[in-house]
Amino acid sequence: MTWAKGQSGNPNGRPRRGQTLTEVLRRKLLEKGPDGRPNVEAINDEVLALALSGERWAIELCFDRLEGRPAQALELSGNERRPLRIEYVLPSGKVEGNGEKA
């Protein structure tokens, strides 16, 4: 069966999936705790207090969130520790690799 122009074979769209962990966690973090503050504020205050007391993981977490994680060095090598040759196949079918055009 074919559909008429402008008519959808699925008028209600894709069915909704269940809630993701991220959706549930976001909602819970915005809820107010027993002290009336949002849970996210209480967690932030606790992590900051731990960082100020010298807890290394809390200090690193604060800096990672504020400044971004430092770049990690990565070395790739092929057989006999020689540099790898990386080739890209372009839509035109031409191959480029390691700065050279084929």
PDB file of N, CA and C in Angstrom:
ATOM      1  N   MET A   1       0.848  -1.188   0.000  1.00  0.00           N
ATOM      2  CA  MET A   1       0.000   0.000   0.000  1.00  0.00           C
ATOM      3  C   MET A   1       0.883   1.237   0.000  1.00  0.00           C
ATOM      4  N   THR A   2       0.566   2.202  -0.831  1.00  0.00           N
ATOM      5  CA  THR A   2       1.314   3.453  -0.857  1.00  0.00           C
ATOM      6  C   THR A   2       0.475   4.535  -0.205  1.00  0.00           C
ATOM      7  N   TRP A   3       1.133   5.501   0.362  1.00  0.00           N
ATOM      8  CA  TRP A   3       0.458   6.589   1.058  1.00  0.00           C
ATOM      9  C   TRP A   3       0.272   7.759   0.114  1.00  0.00           C
ATOM     10  N   ALA A   4      -0.828   8.462   0.281  1.00  0.00           N
ATOM     11  CA  ALA A   4      -1.087   9.658  -0.513  1.00  0.00           C
ATOM     12  C   ALA A   4      -0.075  10.732  -0.124  1.00  0.00           C
ATOM     13  N   LYS A   5       0.184  11.651  -1.049  1.00  0.00           N
ATOM     14  CA  LYS A   5       1.125  12.722  -0.795  1.00  0.00           C
ATOM     15  C   LYS A   5       0.690  13.502   0.442  1.00  0.00           C
ATOM     16  N   GLY A   6       1.634  13.684   1.377  1.00  0.00           N
ATOM     17  CA  GLY A   6       1.336  14.430   2.597  1.00  0.00           C
ATOM     18  C   GLY A   6       0.752  13.577   3.710  1.00  0.00           C
ATOM     19  N   GLN A   7       0.490  12.303   3.457  1.00  0.00           N
ATOM     20  CA  GLN A   7      -0.085  11.424   4.474  1.00  0.00           C
ATOM     21  C   GLN A   7       1.043  10.576   5.078  1.00  0.00           C
ATOM     22  N   SER A   8       1.025  10.455   6.400  1.00  0.00           N
ATOM     23  CA  SER A   8       2.073   9.695   7.077  1.00  0.00           C
ATOM     24  C   SER A   8       1.615   8.274   7.331  1.00  0.00           C
ATOM     25  N   GLY A   9       2.537   7.343   7.222  1.00  0.00           N
ATOM     26  CA  GLY A   9       2.247   5.960   7.576  1.00  0.00           C
ATOM     27  C   GLY A   9       2.306   5.739   9.084  1.00  0.00           C
ATOM     28  N   ASN A  10       2.771   6.744   9.817  1.00  0.00           N
ATOM     29  CA  ASN A  10       2.877   6.663  11.271  1.00  0.00           C
ATOM     30  C   ASN A  10       2.462   8.009  11.856  1.00  0.00           C
ATOM     31  N   PRO A  11       1.141   8.302  11.868  1.00  0.00           N
ATOM     32  CA  PRO A  11       0.686   9.635  12.251  1.00  0.00           C
ATOM     33  C   PRO A  11       1.013  10.011  13.695  1.00  0.00           C
ATOM     34  N   ASN A  12       1.152   9.046  14.591  1.00  0.00           N
ATOM     35  CA  ASN A  12       1.454   9.368  15.989  1.00  0.00           C
ATOM     36  C   ASN A  12       2.952   9.466  16.255  1.00  0.00           C
ATOM     37  N   GLY A  13       3.776   9.167  15.261  1.00  0.00           N
ATOM     38  CA  GLY A  13       5.219   9.238  15.433  1.00  0.00           C
ATOM     39  C   GLY A  13       5.755   8.034  16.180  1.00  0.00           C
ATOM     40  N   ARG A  14       7.017   8.086  16.433  1.00  0.00           N
ATOM     41  CA  ARG A  14       7.694   6.996  17.134  1.00  0.00           C
ATOM     42  C   ARG A  14       7.232   6.967  18.595  1.00  0.00           C
ATOM     43  N   PRO A  15       6.962   5.791  19.144  1.00  0.00           N
ATOM     44  CA  PRO A  15       6.534   5.732  20.538  1.00  0.00           C
ATOM     45  C   PRO A  15       7.652   6.185  21.472  1.00  0.00           C
ATOM     46  N   ARG A  16       7.283   6.849  22.578  1.00  0.00           N
ATOM     47  CA  ARG A  16       8.269   7.307  23.548  1.00  0.00           C
ATOM     48  C   ARG A  16       8.918   6.125  24.241  1.00  0.00           C
ATOM     49  N   ARG A  17      10.216   6.241  24.451  1.00  0.00           N
ATOM     50  CA  ARG A  17      10.931   5.223  25.220  1.00  0.00           C
ATOM     51  C   ARG A  17      10.756   5.535  26.693  1.00  0.00           C
ATOM     52  N   GLY A  18      11.245   4.631  27.535  1.00  0.00           N
ATOM     53  CA  GLY A  18      11.232   4.882  28.966  1.00  0.00           C
ATOM     54  C   GLY A  18      12.167   6.026  29.311  1.00  0.00           C
ATOM     55  N   GLN A  19      12.099   6.488  30.530  1.00  0.00           N
ATOM     56  CA  GLN A  19      12.957   7.588  30.947  1.00  0.00           C
ATOM     57  C   GLN A  19      14.402   7.119  31.040  1.00  0.00           C
ATOM     58  N   THR A  20      15.303   7.991  30.638  1.00  0.00           N
ATOM     59  CA  THR A  20      16.717   7.659  30.730  1.00  0.00           C
ATOM     60  C   THR A  20      17.223   7.993  32.128  1.00  0.00           C
ATOM     61  N   LEU A  21      18.349   7.417  32.476  1.00  0.00           N
ATOM     62  CA  LEU A  21      18.972   7.697  33.761  1.00  0.00           C
ATOM     63  C   LEU A  21      19.255   9.192  33.897  1.00  0.00           C
ATOM     64  N   THR A  22      19.699   9.812  32.818  1.00  0.00           N
ATOM     65  CA  THR A  22      20.006  11.244  32.844  1.00  0.00           C
ATOM     66  C   THR A  22      18.762  12.066  33.147  1.00  0.00           C
ATOM     67  N   GLU A  23      17.631  11.722  32.522  1.00  0.00           N
ATOM     68  CA  GLU A  23      16.384  12.458  32.767  1.00  0.00           C
ATOM     69  C   GLU A  23      15.963  12.341  34.227  1.00  0.00           C
ATOM     70  N   VAL A  24      16.029  11.141  34.764  1.00  0.00           N
ATOM     71  CA  VAL A  24      15.631  10.921  36.157  1.00  0.00           C
ATOM     72  C   VAL A  24      16.570  11.672  37.095  1.00  0.00           C
ATOM     73  N   LEU A  25      17.879  11.587  36.844  1.00  0.00           N
ATOM     74  CA  LEU A  25      18.855  12.255  37.698  1.00  0.00           C
ATOM     75  C   LEU A  25      18.681  13.768  37.666  1.00  0.00           C
ATOM     76  N   ARG A  26      18.464  14.346  36.489  1.00  0.00           N
ATOM     77  CA  ARG A  26      18.248  15.794  36.397  1.00  0.00           C
ATOM     78  C   ARG A  26      17.042  16.225  37.225  1.00  0.00           C
ATOM     79  N   ARG A  27      15.971  15.471  37.110  1.00  0.00           N
ATOM     80  CA  ARG A  27      14.755  15.812  37.854  1.00  0.00           C
ATOM     81  C   ARG A  27      15.014  15.739  39.367  1.00  0.00           C
ATOM     82  N   LYS A  28      15.697  14.672  39.803  1.00  0.00           N
ATOM     83  CA  LYS A  28      15.987  14.499  41.236  1.00  0.00           C
ATOM     84  C   LYS A  28      16.922  15.584  41.765  1.00  0.00           C
ATOM     85  N   LEU A  29      17.890  16.002  40.945  1.00  0.00           N
ATOM     86  CA  LEU A  29      18.814  17.043  41.386  1.00  0.00           C
ATOM     87  C   LEU A  29      18.111  18.385  41.581  1.00  0.00           C
ATOM     88  N   LEU A  30      17.052  18.624  40.836  1.00  0.00           N
ATOM     89  CA  LEU A  30      16.326  19.885  40.959  1.00  0.00           C
ATOM     90  C   LEU A  30      15.305  19.881  42.094  1.00  0.00           C
ATOM     91  N   GLU A  31      14.974  18.685  42.606  1.00  0.00           N
ATOM     92  CA  GLU A  31      14.046  18.608  43.744  1.00  0.00           C
ATOM     93  C   GLU A  31      14.704  19.215  44.976  1.00  0.00           C
ATOM     94  N   LYS A  32      13.873  19.688  45.891  1.00  0.00           N
ATOM     95  CA  LYS A  32      14.388  20.268  47.129  1.00  0.00           C
ATOM     96  C   LYS A  32      14.614  19.168  48.160  1.00  0.00           C
ATOM     97  N   GLY A  33      15.723  19.289  48.879  1.00  0.00           N
ATOM     98  CA  GLY A  33      16.055  18.336  49.926  1.00  0.00           C
ATOM     99  C   GLY A  33      15.364  18.703  51.228  1.00  0.00           C
ATOM    100  N   PRO A  34      15.676  18.000  52.307  1.00  0.00           N
ATOM    101  CA  PRO A  34      15.043  18.252  53.605  1.00  0.00           C
ATOM    102  C   PRO A  34      15.289  19.666  54.132  1.00  0.00           C
ATOM    103  N   ASP A  35      16.395  20.281  53.711  1.00  0.00           N
ATOM    104  CA  ASP A  35      16.697  21.644  54.178  1.00  0.00           C
ATOM    105  C   ASP A  35      16.082  22.723  53.293  1.00  0.00           C
ATOM    106  N   GLY A  36      15.318  22.324  52.272  1.00  0.00           N
ATOM    107  CA  GLY A  36      14.648  23.288  51.405  1.00  0.00           C
ATOM    108  C   GLY A  36      15.466  23.759  50.221  1.00  0.00           C
ATOM    109  N   ARG A  37      16.737  23.346  50.159  1.00  0.00           N
ATOM    110  CA  ARG A  37      17.585  23.734  49.028  1.00  0.00           C
ATOM    111  C   ARG A  37      17.519  22.660  47.958  1.00  0.00           C
ATOM    112  N   PRO A  38      17.709  23.041  46.685  1.00  0.00           N
ATOM    113  CA  PRO A  38      17.769  22.019  45.639  1.00  0.00           C
ATOM    114  C   PRO A  38      18.914  21.044  45.929  1.00  0.00           C
ATOM    115  N   ASN A  39      18.713  19.772  45.635  1.00  0.00           N
ATOM    116  CA  ASN A  39      19.734  18.751  45.878  1.00  0.00           C
ATOM    117  C   ASN A  39      21.052  19.084  45.200  1.00  0.00           C
ATOM    118  N   VAL A  40      20.986  19.688  44.020  1.00  0.00           N
ATOM    119  CA  VAL A  40      22.221  20.010  43.292  1.00  0.00           C
ATOM    120  C   VAL A  40      23.067  21.010  44.081  1.00  0.00           C
ATOM    121  N   GLU A  41      22.434  21.947  44.781  1.00  0.00           N
ATOM    122  CA  GLU A  41      23.188  22.902  45.598  1.00  0.00           C
ATOM    123  C   GLU A  41      23.850  22.206  46.775  1.00  0.00           C
ATOM    124  N   ALA A  42      23.137  21.291  47.415  1.00  0.00           N
ATOM    125  CA  ALA A  42      23.696  20.562  48.552  1.00  0.00           C
ATOM    126  C   ALA A  42      24.913  19.735  48.117  1.00  0.00           C
ATOM    127  N   ILE A  43      24.814  19.095  46.946  1.00  0.00           N
ATOM    128  CA  ILE A  43      25.940  18.296  46.442  1.00  0.00           C
ATOM    129  C   ILE A  43      27.123  19.201  46.118  1.00  0.00           C
ATOM    130  N   ASN A  44      26.858  20.334  45.468  1.00  0.00           N
ATOM    131  CA  ASN A  44      27.939  21.273  45.156  1.00  0.00           C
ATOM    132  C   ASN A  44      28.639  21.744  46.421  1.00  0.00           C
ATOM    133  N   ASP A  45      27.873  22.086  47.437  1.00  0.00           N
ATOM    134  CA  ASP A  45      28.461  22.551  48.689  1.00  0.00           C
ATOM    135  C   ASP A  45      29.307  21.467  49.334  1.00  0.00           C
ATOM    136  N   GLU A  46      28.855  20.221  49.282  1.00  0.00           N
ATOM    137  CA  GLU A  46      29.602  19.113  49.877  1.00  0.00           C
ATOM    138  C   GLU A  46      30.921  18.871  49.134  1.00  0.00           C
ATOM    139  N   VAL A  47      30.869  18.884  47.813  1.00  0.00           N
ATOM    140  CA  VAL A  47      32.095  18.685  47.024  1.00  0.00           C
ATOM    141  C   VAL A  47      33.073  19.835  47.294  1.00  0.00           C
ATOM    142  N   LEU A  48      32.579  21.065  47.355  1.00  0.00           N
ATOM    143  CA  LEU A  48      33.443  22.212  47.627  1.00  0.00           C
ATOM    144  C   LEU A  48      34.076  22.103  49.012  1.00  0.00           C
ATOM    145  N   ALA A  49      33.298  21.691  50.006  1.00  0.00           N
ATOM    146  CA  ALA A  49      33.840  21.527  51.358  1.00  0.00           C
ATOM    147  C   ALA A  49      34.941  20.460  51.367  1.00  0.00           C
ATOM    148  N   LEU A  50      34.721  19.366  50.652  1.00  0.00           N
ATOM    149  CA  LEU A  50      35.746  18.315  50.579  1.00  0.00           C
ATOM    150  C   LEU A  50      36.998  18.816  49.869  1.00  0.00           C
ATOM    151  N   ALA A  51      36.816  19.608  48.807  1.00  0.00           N
ATOM    152  CA  ALA A  51      37.969  20.168  48.089  1.00  0.00           C
ATOM    153  C   ALA A  51      38.751  21.103  49.009  1.00  0.00           C
ATOM    154  N   LEU A  52      38.045  21.929  49.747  1.00  0.00           N
ATOM    155  CA  LEU A  52      38.719  22.862  50.653  1.00  0.00           C
ATOM    156  C   LEU A  52      39.428  22.155  51.796  1.00  0.00           C
ATOM    157  N   SER A  53      38.966  20.952  52.148  1.00  0.00           N
ATOM    158  CA  SER A  53      39.621  20.189  53.216  1.00  0.00           C
ATOM    159  C   SER A  53      40.826  19.405  52.683  1.00  0.00           C
ATOM    160  N   GLY A  54      41.064  19.478  51.361  1.00  0.00           N
ATOM    161  CA  GLY A  54      42.236  18.839  50.787  1.00  0.00           C
ATOM    162  C   GLY A  54      41.967  17.514  50.101  1.00  0.00           C
ATOM    163  N   GLU A  55      40.711  17.132  49.962  1.00  0.00           N
ATOM    164  CA  GLU A  55      40.378  15.868  49.291  1.00  0.00           C
ATOM    165  C   GLU A  55      40.725  15.995  47.803  1.00  0.00           C
ATOM    166  N   ARG A  56      41.746  15.233  47.378  1.00  0.00           N
ATOM    167  CA  ARG A  56      42.300  15.398  46.026  1.00  0.00           C
ATOM    168  C   ARG A  56      41.271  15.204  44.922  1.00  0.00           C
ATOM    169  N   TRP A  57      40.442  14.146  44.980  1.00  0.00           N
ATOM    170  CA  TRP A  57      39.485  13.887  43.910  1.00  0.00           C
ATOM    171  C   TRP A  57      38.491  15.044  43.788  1.00  0.00           C
ATOM    172  N   ALA A  58      38.133  15.673  44.920  1.00  0.00           N
ATOM    173  CA  ALA A  58      37.182  16.788  44.883  1.00  0.00           C
ATOM    174  C   ALA A  58      37.834  18.021  44.255  1.00  0.00           C
ATOM    175  N   ILE A  59      39.108  18.233  44.559  1.00  0.00           N
ATOM    176  CA  ILE A  59      39.838  19.350  43.947  1.00  0.00           C
ATOM    177  C   ILE A  59      39.909  19.146  42.436  1.00  0.00           C
ATOM    178  N   GLU A  60      40.286  17.922  42.022  1.00  0.00           N
ATOM    179  CA  GLU A  60      40.377  17.628  40.589  1.00  0.00           C
ATOM    180  C   GLU A  60      39.030  17.787  39.897  1.00  0.00           C
ATOM    181  N   LEU A  61      37.969  17.338  40.553  1.00  0.00           N
ATOM    182  CA  LEU A  61      36.628  17.470  39.975  1.00  0.00           C
ATOM    183  C   LEU A  61      36.280  18.938  39.757  1.00  0.00           C
ATOM    184  N   CYS A  62      36.576  19.775  40.750  1.00  0.00           N
ATOM    185  CA  CYS A  62      36.279  21.211  40.613  1.00  0.00           C
ATOM    186  C   CYS A  62      37.037  21.816  39.433  1.00  0.00           C
ATOM    187  N   PHE A  63      38.341  21.539  39.351  1.00  0.00           N
ATOM    188  CA  PHE A  63      39.131  22.102  38.251  1.00  0.00           C
ATOM    189  C   PHE A  63      38.710  21.534  36.902  1.00  0.00           C
ATOM    190  N   ASP A  64      38.411  20.233  36.849  1.00  0.00           N
ATOM    191  CA  ASP A  64      37.971  19.635  35.591  1.00  0.00           C
ATOM    192  C   ASP A  64      36.684  20.289  35.105  1.00  0.00           C
ATOM    193  N   ARG A  65      35.774  20.598  36.007  1.00  0.00           N
ATOM    194  CA  ARG A  65      34.500  21.208  35.621  1.00  0.00           C
ATOM    195  C   ARG A  65      34.668  22.669  35.235  1.00  0.00           C
ATOM    196  N   LEU A  66      35.597  23.362  35.885  1.00  0.00           N
ATOM    197  CA  LEU A  66      35.777  24.788  35.607  1.00  0.00           C
ATOM    198  C   LEU A  66      36.695  25.036  34.417  1.00  0.00           C
ATOM    199  N   GLU A  67      37.792  24.304  34.343  1.00  0.00           N
ATOM    200  CA  GLU A  67      38.818  24.563  33.344  1.00  0.00           C
ATOM    201  C   GLU A  67      38.808  23.561  32.197  1.00  0.00           C
ATOM    202  N   GLY A  68      38.122  22.437  32.371  1.00  0.00           N
ATOM    203  CA  GLY A  68      38.164  21.368  31.381  1.00  0.00           C
ATOM    204  C   GLY A  68      39.323  20.440  31.702  1.00  0.00           C
ATOM    205  N   ARG A  69      39.189  19.198  31.323  1.00  0.00           N
ATOM    206  CA  ARG A  69      40.243  18.221  31.601  1.00  0.00           C
ATOM    207  C   ARG A  69      41.462  18.538  30.746  1.00  0.00           C
ATOM    208  N   PRO A  70      42.666  18.342  31.281  1.00  0.00           N
ATOM    209  CA  PRO A  70      43.868  18.570  30.481  1.00  0.00           C
ATOM    210  C   PRO A  70      43.932  17.593  29.300  1.00  0.00           C
ATOM    211  N   ALA A  71      44.517  18.042  28.199  1.00  0.00           N
ATOM    212  CA  ALA A  71      44.661  17.181  27.020  1.00  0.00           C
ATOM    213  C   ALA A  71      45.575  16.009  27.364  1.00  0.00           C
ATOM    214  N   GLN A  72      45.219  14.838  26.898  1.00  0.00           N
ATOM    215  CA  GLN A  72      46.011  13.637  27.133  1.00  0.00           C
ATOM    216  C   GLN A  72      46.857  13.355  25.893  1.00  0.00           C
ATOM    217  N   ALA A  73      48.129  13.078  26.099  1.00  0.00           N
ATOM    218  CA  ALA A  73      49.004  12.730  24.978  1.00  0.00           C
ATOM    219  C   ALA A  73      48.675  11.316  24.517  1.00  0.00           C
ATOM    220  N   LEU A  74      48.680  11.109  23.222  1.00  0.00           N
ATOM    221  CA  LEU A  74      48.370   9.801  22.658  1.00  0.00           C
ATOM    222  C   LEU A  74      49.342   9.540  21.525  1.00  0.00           C
ATOM    223  N   GLU A  75      50.002   8.395  21.586  1.00  0.00           N
ATOM    224  CA  GLU A  75      50.942   8.033  20.527  1.00  0.00           C
ATOM    225  C   GLU A  75      50.463   6.762  19.855  1.00  0.00           C
ATOM    226  N   LEU A  76      50.379   6.791  18.549  1.00  0.00           N
ATOM    227  CA  LEU A  76      50.010   5.619  17.769  1.00  0.00           C
ATOM    228  C   LEU A  76      51.198   5.210  16.924  1.00  0.00           C
ATOM    229  N   SER A  77      51.488   3.932  16.898  1.00  0.00           N
ATOM    230  CA  SER A  77      52.573   3.472  16.045  1.00  0.00           C
ATOM    231  C   SER A  77      52.176   2.147  15.413  1.00  0.00           C
ATOM    232  N   GLY A  78      52.789   1.856  14.295  1.00  0.00           N
ATOM    233  CA  GLY A  78      52.496   0.625  13.579  1.00  0.00           C
ATOM    234  C   GLY A  78      53.525  -0.445  13.889  1.00  0.00           C
ATOM    235  N   ASN A  79      53.739  -1.344  12.929  1.00  0.00           N
ATOM    236  CA  ASN A  79      54.726  -2.411  13.085  1.00  0.00           C
ATOM    237  C   ASN A  79      56.110  -1.816  13.349  1.00  0.00           C
ATOM    238  N   GLU A  80      56.841  -2.456  14.213  1.00  0.00           N
ATOM    239  CA  GLU A  80      58.217  -2.056  14.513  1.00  0.00           C
ATOM    240  C   GLU A  80      58.311  -0.604  14.968  1.00  0.00           C
ATOM    241  N   ARG A  81      57.255  -0.118  15.631  1.00  0.00           N
ATOM    242  CA  ARG A  81      57.218   1.223  16.221  1.00  0.00           C
ATOM    243  C   ARG A  81      57.395   2.345  15.196  1.00  0.00           C
ATOM    244  N   ARG A  82      57.100   2.053  13.935  1.00  0.00           N
ATOM    245  CA  ARG A  82      57.137   3.098  12.925  1.00  0.00           C
ATOM    246  C   ARG A  82      55.812   3.845  12.958  1.00  0.00           C
ATOM    247  N   PRO A  83      55.799   5.113  12.521  1.00  0.00           N
ATOM    248  CA  PRO A  83      54.538   5.869  12.496  1.00  0.00           C
ATOM    249  C   PRO A  83      53.511   5.196  11.590  1.00  0.00           C
ATOM    250  N   LEU A  84      52.259   5.298  11.976  1.00  0.00           N
ATOM    251  CA  LEU A  84      51.175   4.764  11.154  1.00  0.00           C
ATOM    252  C   LEU A  84      50.947   5.663   9.952  1.00  0.00           C
ATOM    253  N   ARG A  85      50.561   5.060   8.864  1.00  0.00           N
ATOM    254  CA  ARG A  85      50.139   5.832   7.692  1.00  0.00           C
ATOM    255  C   ARG A  85      48.619   5.840   7.707  1.00  0.00           C
ATOM    256  N   ILE A  86      48.057   7.030   7.758  1.00  0.00           N
ATOM    257  CA  ILE A  86      46.610   7.179   7.798  1.00  0.00           C
ATOM    258  C   ILE A  86      46.155   7.688   6.441  1.00  0.00           C
ATOM    259  N   GLU A  87      45.197   6.992   5.852  1.00  0.00           N
ATOM    260  CA  GLU A  87      44.681   7.388   4.548  1.00  0.00           C
ATOM    261  C   GLU A  87      43.198   7.693   4.664  1.00  0.00           C
ATOM    262  N   TYR A  88      42.771   8.726   3.985  1.00  0.00           N
ATOM    263  CA  TYR A  88      41.374   9.122   3.929  1.00  0.00           C
ATOM    264  C   TYR A  88      40.885   8.941   2.503  1.00  0.00           C
ATOM    265  N   VAL A  89      39.746   8.296   2.341  1.00  0.00           N
ATOM    266  CA  VAL A  89      39.158   8.152   1.021  1.00  0.00           C
ATOM    267  C   VAL A  89      38.109   9.249   0.890  1.00  0.00           C
ATOM    268  N   LEU A  90      38.317  10.139  -0.068  1.00  0.00           N
ATOM    269  CA  LEU A  90      37.410  11.258  -0.286  1.00  0.00           C
ATOM    270  C   LEU A  90      36.221  10.810  -1.124  1.00  0.00           C
ATOM    271  N   PRO A  91      35.110  11.555  -1.065  1.00  0.00           N
ATOM    272  CA  PRO A  91      33.945  11.187  -1.879  1.00  0.00           C
ATOM    273  C   PRO A  91      34.266  11.050  -3.365  1.00  0.00           C
ATOM    274  N   SER A  92      35.282  11.765  -3.837  1.00  0.00           N
ATOM    275  CA  SER A  92      35.659  11.677  -5.252  1.00  0.00           C
ATOM    276  C   SER A  92      36.391  10.375  -5.558  1.00  0.00           C
ATOM    277  N   GLY A  93      36.763   9.617  -4.510  1.00  0.00           N
ATOM    278  CA  GLY A  93      37.502   8.380  -4.715  1.00  0.00           C
ATOM    279  C   GLY A  93      39.001   8.552  -4.559  1.00  0.00           C
ATOM    280  N   LYS A  94      39.457   9.816  -4.473  1.00  0.00           N
ATOM    281  CA  LYS A  94      40.884  10.059  -4.277  1.00  0.00           C
ATOM    282  C   LYS A  94      41.267   9.684  -2.848  1.00  0.00           C
ATOM    283  N   VAL A  95      42.524   9.313  -2.676  1.00  0.00           N
ATOM    284  CA  VAL A  95      43.028   8.922  -1.369  1.00  0.00           C
ATOM    285  C   VAL A  95      44.066   9.946  -0.935  1.00  0.00           C
ATOM    286  N   GLU A  96      43.936  10.433   0.299  1.00  0.00           N
ATOM    287  CA  GLU A  96      44.928  11.332   0.888  1.00  0.00           C
ATOM    288  C   GLU A  96      45.462  10.664   2.130  1.00  0.00           C
ATOM    289  N   GLY A  97      46.763  10.812   2.376  1.00  0.00           N
ATOM    290  CA  GLY A  97      47.336  10.216   3.576  1.00  0.00           C
ATOM    291  C   GLY A  97      48.566  10.949   4.030  1.00  0.00           C
ATOM    292  N   ASN A  98      48.648  11.212   5.338  1.00  0.00           N
ATOM    293  CA  ASN A  98      49.805  11.856   5.962  1.00  0.00           C
ATOM    294  C   ASN A  98      50.248  13.123   5.202  1.00  0.00           C
ATOM    295  N   GLY A  99      49.297  13.910   4.802  1.00  0.00           N
ATOM    296  CA  GLY A  99      49.607  15.165   4.127  1.00  0.00           C
ATOM    297  C   GLY A  99      49.933  15.037   2.650  1.00  0.00           C
ATOM    298  N   GLU A 100      49.898  13.834   2.123  1.00  0.00           N
ATOM    299  CA  GLU A 100      50.204  13.641   0.709  1.00  0.00           C
ATOM    300  C   GLU A 100      48.918  13.417  -0.064  1.00  0.00           C
ATOM    301  N   LYS A 101      48.851  13.935  -1.270  1.00  0.00           N
ATOM    302  CA  LYS A 101      47.687  13.717  -2.121  1.00  0.00           C
ATOM    303  C   LYS A 101      48.021  12.630  -3.119  1.00  0.00           C
ATOM    304  N   ALA A 102      47.076  11.738  -3.348  1.00  0.00           N
ATOM    305  CA  ALA A 102      47.300  10.659  -4.320  1.00  0.00           C
ATOM    306  C   ALA A 102      46.730  11.033  -5.663  1.00  0.00           C
TER     307      ALA A 102
END
